[in-house]
Amino acid sequence: MTYNQPIIGSILAVRDYGTLVVIFLNMEDGRTAPIPLDKRAFGSLLEGEGSQPDELVGRRISYDGEQILFLDRECSR
């Protein structure tokens, strides 16, 4: 397993394409990065956050190529 430098930014939009969901991330350097997720993985993410897709917009995250970490949480698990 290799360590990937995480990208950090705010979620601009979430698009559902059937079996694939893409999170568009506004990175700190002004670029936009797509983060593709399997529909099941995205469902687990929503369940873990207790939110709907539109409620993710604006939230700050870190993504290392494998895991999404919400940076706006008051406490970590």
Protein backbone atom coordinates (compact mmCIF):
# COMPACT_ATOMS: atom_id res chain seq x y z
CA MET A 1 0.00 0.00 0.00
CA THR A 2 1.37 3.39 -0.95
CA TYR A 3 0.60 6.70 0.67
CA ASN A 4 -1.02 9.30 -1.57
CA GLN A 5 -0.80 13.00 -0.77
CA PRO A 6 -4.39 13.95 0.02
CA ILE A 7 -6.28 16.59 -1.89
CA ILE A 8 -8.25 19.02 0.24
CA GLY A 9 -11.16 21.22 -0.68
CA SER A 10 -14.87 21.90 -0.56
CA ILE A 11 -17.53 19.86 -2.32
CA LEU A 12 -18.97 21.84 -5.24
CA ALA A 13 -21.48 19.30 -6.52
CA VAL A 14 -22.55 15.66 -6.40
CA ARG A 15 -23.72 13.97 -9.60
CA ASP A 16 -25.39 10.56 -9.78
CA TYR A 17 -24.73 8.66 -13.02
CA GLY A 18 -26.44 5.39 -12.09
CA THR A 19 -23.80 2.98 -10.79
CA LEU A 20 -21.27 5.80 -10.47
CA VAL A 21 -21.45 8.94 -8.33
CA VAL A 22 -19.00 11.79 -8.91
CA ILE A 23 -18.15 14.33 -6.23
CA PHE A 24 -16.69 17.54 -7.67
CA LEU A 25 -14.16 19.08 -5.32
CA ASN A 26 -13.02 22.71 -5.36
CA MET A 27 -9.38 22.31 -4.33
CA GLU A 28 -7.40 24.87 -2.36
CA ASP A 29 -5.38 25.87 -5.45
CA GLY A 30 -8.55 26.76 -7.38
CA ARG A 31 -8.71 23.63 -9.55
CA THR A 32 -11.73 21.33 -9.66
CA ALA A 33 -11.16 17.61 -9.13
CA PRO A 34 -13.69 14.84 -9.81
CA ILE A 35 -13.85 12.04 -7.25
CA PRO A 36 -15.63 9.00 -8.74
CA LEU A 37 -17.28 6.59 -6.31
CA ASP A 38 -19.17 3.36 -6.72
CA LYS A 39 -22.85 3.85 -5.84
CA ARG A 40 -22.53 1.48 -2.85
CA ALA A 41 -19.50 3.30 -1.47
CA PHE A 42 -21.32 6.61 -1.83
CA GLY A 43 -24.36 5.16 -0.05
CA SER A 44 -22.14 4.08 2.85
CA LEU A 45 -20.61 7.56 2.96
CA LEU A 46 -24.05 9.16 3.17
CA GLU A 47 -25.18 6.70 5.83
CA GLY A 48 -22.07 7.39 7.90
CA GLU A 49 -22.69 11.13 7.70
CA GLY A 50 -26.44 10.84 8.20
CA SER A 51 -27.07 13.19 5.30
CA GLN A 52 -28.50 13.53 1.81
CA PRO A 53 -26.33 14.19 -1.26
CA ASP A 54 -27.24 17.90 -1.46
CA GLU A 55 -26.25 18.35 2.20
CA LEU A 56 -22.63 17.48 1.31
CA VAL A 57 -22.21 20.56 -0.89
CA GLY A 58 -19.94 23.08 0.79
CA ARG A 59 -18.36 20.62 3.23
CA ARG A 60 -14.56 20.43 3.41
CA ILE A 61 -12.97 17.06 2.82
CA SER A 62 -9.62 15.40 2.38
CA TYR A 63 -9.30 12.59 -0.18
CA ASP A 64 -6.20 10.38 -0.49
CA GLY A 65 -7.39 8.23 -3.39
CA GLU A 66 -9.00 5.69 -1.08
CA GLN A 67 -10.76 7.45 1.78
CA ILE A 68 -12.78 10.61 2.21
CA LEU A 69 -12.31 12.37 5.54
CA PHE A 70 -14.68 15.16 6.49
CA LEU A 71 -12.63 18.01 7.94
CA ASP A 72 -15.57 19.95 9.34
CA ARG A 73 -16.47 17.38 11.98
CA GLU A 74 -16.42 18.55 15.57
CA CYS A 75 -15.06 15.20 16.73
CA SER A 76 -13.52 12.24 14.97
CA ARG A 77 -14.62 8.63 15.25
